Amino acid sequence: TSCDISAEFVREICLLINEAYGHMRVSTSDVKNRLRMGDAGPAANRVLHLAFREGKLVGCCSSTVQPPWTERGCGHWGLLSVDPA
């Protein structure tokens, strides 16, 4: 759950996203909120997916099952970020 994620790891996620976008796209509180949304399990409407390679965070992407601006049954992918290194 999001309770198990350290403040250091939240900063690492935030840094990866902001470096990939080339500007301040998210804050640490935004990342924490996005991670908490995943705690709802199957009922979660919006979650942050994290990608790892050899134990290192290399990217992330957000998904929403039902955004308010799409037709019923049409989800949304967003916040795609890949480590620029």
N, C-alpha and C. Protein backbone atom coordinates (compact mmCIF):
# COMPACT_ATOMS: atom_id res chain seq x y z
N THR A 1 0.84 -1.19 0.00
CA THR A 1 0.00 0.00 0.00
C THR A 1 0.87 1.24 0.00
N SER A 2 0.25 2.38 -0.19
CA SER A 2 1.00 3.63 -0.22
C SER A 2 1.65 3.93 1.13
N CYS A 3 1.13 3.36 2.20
CA CYS A 3 1.71 3.58 3.54
C CYS A 3 3.13 3.01 3.63
N ASP A 4 3.43 2.02 2.79
CA ASP A 4 4.72 1.35 2.83
C ASP A 4 5.78 2.07 2.00
N ILE A 5 5.43 3.15 1.32
CA ILE A 5 6.36 3.83 0.44
C ILE A 5 7.05 4.98 1.19
N SER A 6 8.36 4.99 1.12
CA SER A 6 9.14 6.00 1.85
C SER A 6 9.06 7.36 1.16
N ALA A 7 9.32 8.39 1.95
CA ALA A 7 9.36 9.75 1.42
C ALA A 7 10.47 9.87 0.37
N GLU A 8 11.56 9.15 0.57
CA GLU A 8 12.67 9.17 -0.39
C GLU A 8 12.23 8.60 -1.74
N PHE A 9 11.47 7.51 -1.72
CA PHE A 9 11.00 6.91 -2.97
C PHE A 9 9.99 7.82 -3.66
N VAL A 10 9.14 8.48 -2.89
CA VAL A 10 8.19 9.45 -3.47
C VAL A 10 8.96 10.56 -4.18
N ARG A 11 10.03 11.05 -3.56
CA ARG A 11 10.86 12.09 -4.20
C ARG A 11 11.51 11.56 -5.48
N GLU A 12 11.93 10.29 -5.47
CA GLU A 12 12.53 9.67 -6.66
C GLU A 12 11.52 9.61 -7.81
N ILE A 13 10.28 9.24 -7.51
CA ILE A 13 9.23 9.21 -8.53
C ILE A 13 8.99 10.61 -9.07
N CYS A 14 8.88 11.56 -8.18
CA CYS A 14 8.65 12.96 -8.54
C CYS A 14 9.77 13.48 -9.44
N LEU A 15 11.01 13.20 -9.08
CA LEU A 15 12.16 13.64 -9.86
C LEU A 15 12.14 13.02 -11.26
N LEU A 16 11.86 11.72 -11.34
CA LEU A 16 11.80 11.05 -12.64
C LEU A 16 10.76 11.71 -13.54
N ILE A 17 9.57 11.94 -13.02
CA ILE A 17 8.49 12.55 -13.80
C ILE A 17 8.88 13.95 -14.26
N ASN A 18 9.35 14.77 -13.33
CA ASN A 18 9.68 16.16 -13.66
C ASN A 18 10.86 16.26 -14.62
N GLU A 19 11.85 15.37 -14.50
CA GLU A 19 12.96 15.38 -15.45
C GLU A 19 12.49 14.94 -16.84
N ALA A 20 11.61 13.95 -16.89
CA ALA A 20 11.10 13.48 -18.17
C ALA A 20 10.29 14.57 -18.88
N TYR A 21 9.54 15.36 -18.12
CA TYR A 21 8.73 16.43 -18.71
C TYR A 21 9.55 17.70 -18.97
N GLY A 22 10.69 17.82 -18.31
CA GLY A 22 11.52 19.00 -18.50
C GLY A 22 11.04 20.23 -17.74
N HIS A 23 10.08 20.04 -16.85
CA HIS A 23 9.59 21.11 -15.98
C HIS A 23 8.86 20.48 -14.80
N MET A 24 8.48 21.30 -13.84
CA MET A 24 7.77 20.79 -12.66
C MET A 24 6.36 20.37 -13.05
N ARG A 25 6.16 19.08 -13.23
CA ARG A 25 4.87 18.53 -13.63
C ARG A 25 4.07 18.06 -12.43
N VAL A 26 4.77 17.49 -11.43
CA VAL A 26 4.11 16.99 -10.22
C VAL A 26 4.90 17.39 -8.98
N SER A 27 4.21 17.45 -7.86
CA SER A 27 4.85 17.68 -6.56
C SER A 27 4.86 16.36 -5.81
N THR A 28 5.57 16.32 -4.69
CA THR A 28 5.58 15.09 -3.89
C THR A 28 4.18 14.79 -3.36
N SER A 29 3.40 15.81 -3.02
CA SER A 29 2.04 15.54 -2.53
C SER A 29 1.16 14.99 -3.65
N ASP A 30 1.36 15.44 -4.88
CA ASP A 30 0.61 14.89 -6.02
C ASP A 30 0.95 13.41 -6.21
N VAL A 31 2.24 13.08 -6.13
CA VAL A 31 2.66 11.68 -6.28
C VAL A 31 2.05 10.83 -5.16
N LYS A 32 2.11 11.32 -3.91
CA LYS A 32 1.51 10.58 -2.79
C LYS A 32 0.03 10.33 -3.02
N ASN A 33 -0.69 11.36 -3.46
CA ASN A 33 -2.12 11.20 -3.72
C ASN A 33 -2.39 10.17 -4.81
N ARG A 34 -1.59 10.22 -5.88
CA ARG A 34 -1.77 9.25 -6.97
C ARG A 34 -1.50 7.83 -6.48
N LEU A 35 -0.49 7.67 -5.62
CA LEU A 35 -0.19 6.34 -5.08
C LEU A 35 -1.30 5.86 -4.15
N ARG A 36 -1.86 6.77 -3.35
CA ARG A 36 -2.95 6.40 -2.43
C ARG A 36 -4.18 5.91 -3.18
N MET A 37 -4.42 6.47 -4.36
CA MET A 37 -5.59 6.05 -5.13
C MET A 37 -5.56 4.56 -5.44
N GLY A 38 -4.36 4.01 -5.58
CA GLY A 38 -4.22 2.58 -5.87
C GLY A 38 -4.56 1.69 -4.69
N ASP A 39 -4.65 2.26 -3.48
CA ASP A 39 -4.98 1.47 -2.29
C ASP A 39 -6.40 0.93 -2.33
N ALA A 40 -7.24 1.44 -3.22
CA ALA A 40 -8.63 0.98 -3.31
C ALA A 40 -8.75 -0.37 -4.01
N GLY A 41 -7.62 -0.94 -4.46
CA GLY A 41 -7.64 -2.25 -5.11
C GLY A 41 -8.47 -2.24 -6.38
N PRO A 42 -9.29 -3.28 -6.60
CA PRO A 42 -10.08 -3.35 -7.83
C PRO A 42 -11.05 -2.19 -8.00
N ALA A 43 -11.38 -1.50 -6.92
CA ALA A 43 -12.31 -0.37 -7.01
C ALA A 43 -11.60 0.93 -7.38
N ALA A 44 -10.27 0.89 -7.51
CA ALA A 44 -9.51 2.10 -7.83
C ALA A 44 -9.84 2.57 -9.24
N ASN A 45 -10.20 3.82 -9.37
CA ASN A 45 -10.50 4.38 -10.69
C ASN A 45 -9.23 4.90 -11.36
N ARG A 46 -8.29 5.36 -10.58
CA ARG A 46 -7.07 5.97 -11.12
C ARG A 46 -5.87 5.44 -10.34
N VAL A 47 -4.87 4.93 -11.06
CA VAL A 47 -3.69 4.39 -10.39
C VAL A 47 -2.42 4.84 -11.11
N LEU A 48 -1.31 4.78 -10.38
CA LEU A 48 0.00 5.11 -10.93
C LEU A 48 0.77 3.81 -11.08
N HIS A 49 1.13 3.46 -12.31
CA HIS A 49 1.90 2.25 -12.60
C HIS A 49 3.38 2.61 -12.58
N LEU A 50 4.19 1.80 -11.92
CA LEU A 50 5.63 2.05 -11.83
C LEU A 50 6.38 0.95 -12.59
N ALA A 51 7.40 1.34 -13.35
CA ALA A 51 8.20 0.39 -14.12
C ALA A 51 9.60 0.32 -13.53
N PHE A 52 10.08 -0.90 -13.33
CA PHE A 52 11.41 -1.12 -12.76
C PHE A 52 12.24 -1.97 -13.71
N ARG A 53 13.53 -1.73 -13.69
CA ARG A 53 14.47 -2.57 -14.44
C ARG A 53 15.64 -2.83 -13.51
N GLU A 54 15.88 -4.11 -13.25
CA GLU A 54 16.94 -4.52 -12.32
C GLU A 54 16.82 -3.80 -10.98
N GLY A 55 15.59 -3.66 -10.49
CA GLY A 55 15.33 -3.06 -9.19
C GLY A 55 15.34 -1.54 -9.16
N LYS A 56 15.57 -0.90 -10.29
CA LYS A 56 15.63 0.57 -10.35
C LYS A 56 14.39 1.11 -11.05
N LEU A 57 13.82 2.18 -10.50
CA LEU A 57 12.68 2.84 -11.12
C LEU A 57 13.12 3.44 -12.45
N VAL A 58 12.43 3.08 -13.53
CA VAL A 58 12.81 3.59 -14.86
C VAL A 58 11.66 4.31 -15.56
N GLY A 59 10.46 4.25 -14.99
CA GLY A 59 9.34 4.93 -15.63
C GLY A 59 8.05 4.76 -14.86
N CYS A 60 7.04 5.50 -15.31
CA CYS A 60 5.71 5.37 -14.73
C CYS A 60 4.66 5.87 -15.71
N CYS A 61 3.44 5.50 -15.43
CA CYS A 61 2.31 5.89 -16.26
C CYS A 61 1.06 5.85 -15.38
N SER A 62 0.14 6.74 -15.65
CA SER A 62 -1.10 6.79 -14.90
C SER A 62 -2.22 6.22 -15.76
N SER A 63 -3.15 5.52 -15.14
CA SER A 63 -4.33 5.06 -15.88
C SER A 63 -5.58 5.39 -15.08
N THR A 64 -6.63 5.72 -15.81
CA THR A 64 -7.94 6.01 -15.22
C THR A 64 -8.95 5.12 -15.91
N VAL A 65 -9.71 4.36 -15.13
CA VAL A 65 -10.70 3.46 -15.70
C VAL A 65 -11.83 4.24 -16.34
N GLN A 66 -12.34 5.26 -15.64
CA GLN A 66 -13.45 6.04 -16.16
C GLN A 66 -13.26 7.52 -15.87
N PRO A 67 -12.57 8.25 -16.77
CA PRO A 67 -12.45 9.70 -16.57
C PRO A 67 -13.81 10.37 -16.79
N PRO A 68 -14.02 11.53 -16.19
CA PRO A 68 -15.32 12.20 -16.34
C PRO A 68 -15.57 12.75 -17.75
N TRP A 69 -14.53 12.85 -18.57
CA TRP A 69 -14.69 13.45 -19.89
C TRP A 69 -14.80 12.43 -21.03
N THR A 70 -14.84 11.12 -20.70
CA THR A 70 -14.95 10.11 -21.76
C THR A 70 -16.28 9.38 -21.66
N GLU A 71 -16.63 8.71 -22.77
CA GLU A 71 -17.84 7.88 -22.78
C GLU A 71 -17.67 6.72 -21.81
N ARG A 72 -18.77 6.16 -21.37
CA ARG A 72 -18.76 5.02 -20.47
C ARG A 72 -17.95 3.88 -21.10
N GLY A 73 -17.05 3.33 -20.30
CA GLY A 73 -16.24 2.21 -20.76
C GLY A 73 -14.96 2.61 -21.48
N CYS A 74 -14.69 3.91 -21.59
CA CYS A 74 -13.49 4.39 -22.27
C CYS A 74 -12.52 4.94 -21.22
N GLY A 75 -11.41 4.27 -21.01
CA GLY A 75 -10.43 4.70 -20.03
C GLY A 75 -9.43 5.68 -20.61
N HIS A 76 -8.40 5.98 -19.83
CA HIS A 76 -7.42 6.99 -20.23
C HIS A 76 -6.06 6.65 -19.66
N TRP A 77 -5.02 6.74 -20.49
CA TRP A 77 -3.64 6.60 -20.06
C TRP A 77 -3.02 7.98 -20.07
N GLY A 78 -2.17 8.29 -19.11
CA GLY A 78 -1.54 9.60 -19.07
C GLY A 78 -0.30 9.60 -18.20
N LEU A 79 0.31 10.75 -18.09
CA LEU A 79 1.50 10.98 -17.27
C LEU A 79 2.62 9.98 -17.60
N LEU A 80 2.77 9.66 -18.87
CA LEU A 80 3.84 8.74 -19.27
C LEU A 80 5.19 9.39 -19.04
N SER A 81 6.03 8.73 -18.27
CA SER A 81 7.35 9.27 -17.94
C SER A 81 8.38 8.14 -17.97
N VAL A 82 9.51 8.42 -18.64
CA VAL A 82 10.59 7.44 -18.71
C VAL A 82 11.86 8.14 -18.28
N ASP A 83 12.68 7.45 -17.51
CA ASP A 83 13.94 8.01 -17.05
C ASP A 83 14.76 8.47 -18.25
N PRO A 84 15.08 9.77 -18.34
CA PRO A 84 15.81 10.27 -19.51
C PRO A 84 17.26 9.79 -19.57
N ALA A 85 17.76 9.19 -18.49
CA ALA A 85 19.15 8.68 -18.49
C ALA A 85 19.18 7.45 -19.31
